[in-house]
Amino acid sequence: MLAAIAVAATAMAIKGWQTASFLLAGVLVLLSSLLVIQVARALSAMRRHANSLAESARGAEEHYVGVLSRIVKIVEARDKHTRGGATGSESWRS
């Protein structure tokens, strides 16, 4: 769309329609500015979303490591108990 307006403005300038070509050039600058602002906002939103996803992934990873460490502790305590090494007061859920 911007290219079409630029071509039309150039054609008008070649034909000698100076006022109309200046008006179209102004419209072209306005539309270009609005487009740049819209792209900048979209990139900013994408950057915020990517940061949010990275933070969520870190949280999920920490949770996963915590769950796995609890599983390892439970299995090790169970193994001690089945071998007869655990006492009644030993807690395997810590």
C-alpha atoms as a PDB file:
ATOM      1  CA  MET A   1       0.000   0.000   0.000  1.00  0.00           C
ATOM      2  CA  LEU A   2       2.796   2.392   0.883  1.00  0.00           C
ATOM      3  CA  ALA A   3       4.601   1.521  -2.332  1.00  0.00           C
ATOM      4  CA  ALA A   4       1.450   2.215  -4.350  1.00  0.00           C
ATOM      5  CA  ILE A   5       1.088   5.648  -2.757  1.00  0.00           C
ATOM      6  CA  ALA A   6       4.766   6.369  -3.449  1.00  0.00           C
ATOM      7  CA  VAL A   7       4.352   5.390  -7.104  1.00  0.00           C
ATOM      8  CA  ALA A   8       1.247   7.561  -7.406  1.00  0.00           C
ATOM      9  CA  ALA A   9       3.032  10.512  -5.785  1.00  0.00           C
ATOM     10  CA  THR A  10       5.978  10.094  -8.161  1.00  0.00           C
ATOM     11  CA  ALA A  11       3.679   9.905 -11.182  1.00  0.00           C
ATOM     12  CA  MET A  12       1.869  13.062 -10.074  1.00  0.00           C
ATOM     13  CA  ALA A  13       5.175  14.860  -9.570  1.00  0.00           C
ATOM     14  CA  ILE A  14       6.289  13.874 -13.070  1.00  0.00           C
ATOM     15  CA  LYS A  15       2.998  15.151 -14.529  1.00  0.00           C
ATOM     16  CA  GLY A  16       3.460  18.470 -12.752  1.00  0.00           C
ATOM     17  CA  TRP A  17       0.837  18.031 -10.015  1.00  0.00           C
ATOM     18  CA  GLN A  18       3.042  19.418  -7.301  1.00  0.00           C
ATOM     19  CA  THR A  19       0.337  20.109  -4.679  1.00  0.00           C
ATOM     20  CA  ALA A  20      -1.251  16.671  -4.975  1.00  0.00           C
ATOM     21  CA  SER A  21       2.101  14.932  -4.887  1.00  0.00           C
ATOM     22  CA  PHE A  22       3.064  16.848  -1.732  1.00  0.00           C
ATOM     23  CA  LEU A  23      -0.229  15.823  -0.131  1.00  0.00           C
ATOM     24  CA  LEU A  24       0.341  12.194  -1.073  1.00  0.00           C
ATOM     25  CA  ALA A  25       3.902  12.427   0.240  1.00  0.00           C
ATOM     26  CA  GLY A  26       2.473  13.715   3.524  1.00  0.00           C
ATOM     27  CA  VAL A  27       0.021  10.816   3.648  1.00  0.00           C
ATOM     28  CA  LEU A  28       2.881   8.452   2.884  1.00  0.00           C
ATOM     29  CA  VAL A  29       4.964   9.848   5.753  1.00  0.00           C
ATOM     30  CA  LEU A  30       1.985   9.650   8.119  1.00  0.00           C
ATOM     31  CA  LEU A  31       1.200   6.062   7.182  1.00  0.00           C
ATOM     32  CA  SER A  32       4.855   5.085   7.428  1.00  0.00           C
ATOM     33  CA  SER A  33       5.099   6.633  10.884  1.00  0.00           C
ATOM     34  CA  LEU A  34       1.973   4.821  12.067  1.00  0.00           C
ATOM     35  CA  LEU A  35       3.296   1.555  10.652  1.00  0.00           C
ATOM     36  CA  VAL A  36       6.644   1.966  12.405  1.00  0.00           C
ATOM     37  CA  ILE A  37       4.878   2.703  15.712  1.00  0.00           C
ATOM     38  CA  GLN A  38       2.649  -0.355  15.301  1.00  0.00           C
ATOM     39  CA  VAL A  39       5.623  -2.609  14.525  1.00  0.00           C
ATOM     40  CA  ALA A  40       7.542  -1.236  17.519  1.00  0.00           C
ATOM     41  CA  ARG A  41       4.595  -1.949  19.822  1.00  0.00           C
ATOM     42  CA  ALA A  42       4.219  -5.474  18.443  1.00  0.00           C
ATOM     43  CA  LEU A  43       7.931  -6.157  18.946  1.00  0.00           C
ATOM     44  CA  SER A  44       7.741  -4.824  22.485  1.00  0.00           C
ATOM     45  CA  ALA A  45       4.776  -7.093  23.239  1.00  0.00           C
ATOM     46  CA  MET A  46       6.607 -10.073  21.757  1.00  0.00           C
ATOM     47  CA  ARG A  47       9.691  -9.281  23.861  1.00  0.00           C
ATOM     48  CA  ARG A  48       7.581  -9.080  27.044  1.00  0.00           C
ATOM     49  CA  HIS A  49       5.885 -12.378  26.153  1.00  0.00           C
ATOM     50  CA  ALA A  50       9.244 -14.079  25.499  1.00  0.00           C
ATOM     51  CA  ASN A  51      10.577 -12.850  28.856  1.00  0.00           C
ATOM     52  CA  SER A  52       7.437 -14.116  30.578  1.00  0.00           C
ATOM     53  CA  LEU A  53       7.815 -17.513  28.926  1.00  0.00           C
ATOM     54  CA  ALA A  54      11.460 -17.723  29.972  1.00  0.00           C
ATOM     55  CA  GLU A  55      10.537 -16.895  33.565  1.00  0.00           C
ATOM     56  CA  SER A  56       7.780 -19.520  33.544  1.00  0.00           C
ATOM     57  CA  ALA A  57      10.190 -22.094  32.142  1.00  0.00           C
ATOM     58  CA  ARG A  58      12.693 -21.336  34.923  1.00  0.00           C
ATOM     59  CA  GLY A  59       9.958 -21.764  37.520  1.00  0.00           C
ATOM     60  CA  ALA A  60       8.831 -25.048  35.991  1.00  0.00           C
ATOM     61  CA  GLU A  61      12.418 -26.290  35.920  1.00  0.00           C
ATOM     62  CA  GLU A  62      12.914 -25.443  39.595  1.00  0.00           C
ATOM     63  CA  HIS A  63       9.659 -27.226  40.470  1.00  0.00           C
ATOM     64  CA  TYR A  64      10.689 -30.272  38.428  1.00  0.00           C
ATOM     65  CA  VAL A  65      14.067 -30.454  40.191  1.00  0.00           C
ATOM     66  CA  GLY A  66      12.330 -30.163  43.576  1.00  0.00           C
ATOM     67  CA  VAL A  67       9.895 -32.965  42.755  1.00  0.00           C
ATOM     68  CA  LEU A  68      12.694 -35.203  41.480  1.00  0.00           C
ATOM     69  CA  SER A  69      14.779 -34.606  44.611  1.00  0.00           C
ATOM     70  CA  ARG A  70      11.784 -35.552  46.776  1.00  0.00           C
ATOM     71  CA  ILE A  71      11.314 -38.732  44.732  1.00  0.00           C
ATOM     72  CA  VAL A  72      15.003 -39.622  45.135  1.00  0.00           C
ATOM     73  CA  LYS A  73      14.811 -39.066  48.918  1.00  0.00           C
ATOM     74  CA  ILE A  74      11.713 -41.263  49.189  1.00  0.00           C
ATOM     75  CA  VAL A  75      13.267 -44.057  47.123  1.00  0.00           C
ATOM     76  CA  GLU A  76      16.513 -43.927  49.107  1.00  0.00           C
ATOM     77  CA  ALA A  77      14.596 -44.012  52.415  1.00  0.00           C
ATOM     78  CA  ARG A  78      12.497 -46.920  51.135  1.00  0.00           C
ATOM     79  CA  ASP A  79      15.643 -48.801  50.131  1.00  0.00           C
ATOM     80  CA  LYS A  80      17.151 -48.251  53.595  1.00  0.00           C
ATOM     81  CA  HIS A  81      13.946 -49.447  55.193  1.00  0.00           C
ATOM     82  CA  THR A  82      13.726 -52.604  53.071  1.00  0.00           C
ATOM     83  CA  ARG A  83      17.355 -53.429  53.924  1.00  0.00           C
ATOM     84  CA  GLY A  84      16.586 -53.023  57.618  1.00  0.00           C
ATOM     85  CA  GLY A  85      18.690 -49.892  58.134  1.00  0.00           C
ATOM     86  CA  ALA A  86      15.915 -47.466  59.003  1.00  0.00           C
ATOM     87  CA  THR A  87      14.687 -46.775  62.483  1.00  0.00           C
ATOM     88  CA  GLY A  88      11.099 -45.988  63.371  1.00  0.00           C
ATOM     89  CA  SER A  89      11.892 -42.315  64.038  1.00  0.00           C
ATOM     90  CA  GLU A  90      13.593 -41.663  60.687  1.00  0.00           C
ATOM     91  CA  SER A  91      11.523 -39.450  58.451  1.00  0.00           C
ATOM     92  CA  TRP A  92      11.659 -40.185  54.730  1.00  0.00           C
ATOM     93  CA  ARG A  93       9.485 -37.195  53.771  1.00  0.00           C
ATOM     94  CA  SER A  94      11.910 -34.421  54.685  1.00  0.00           C
END
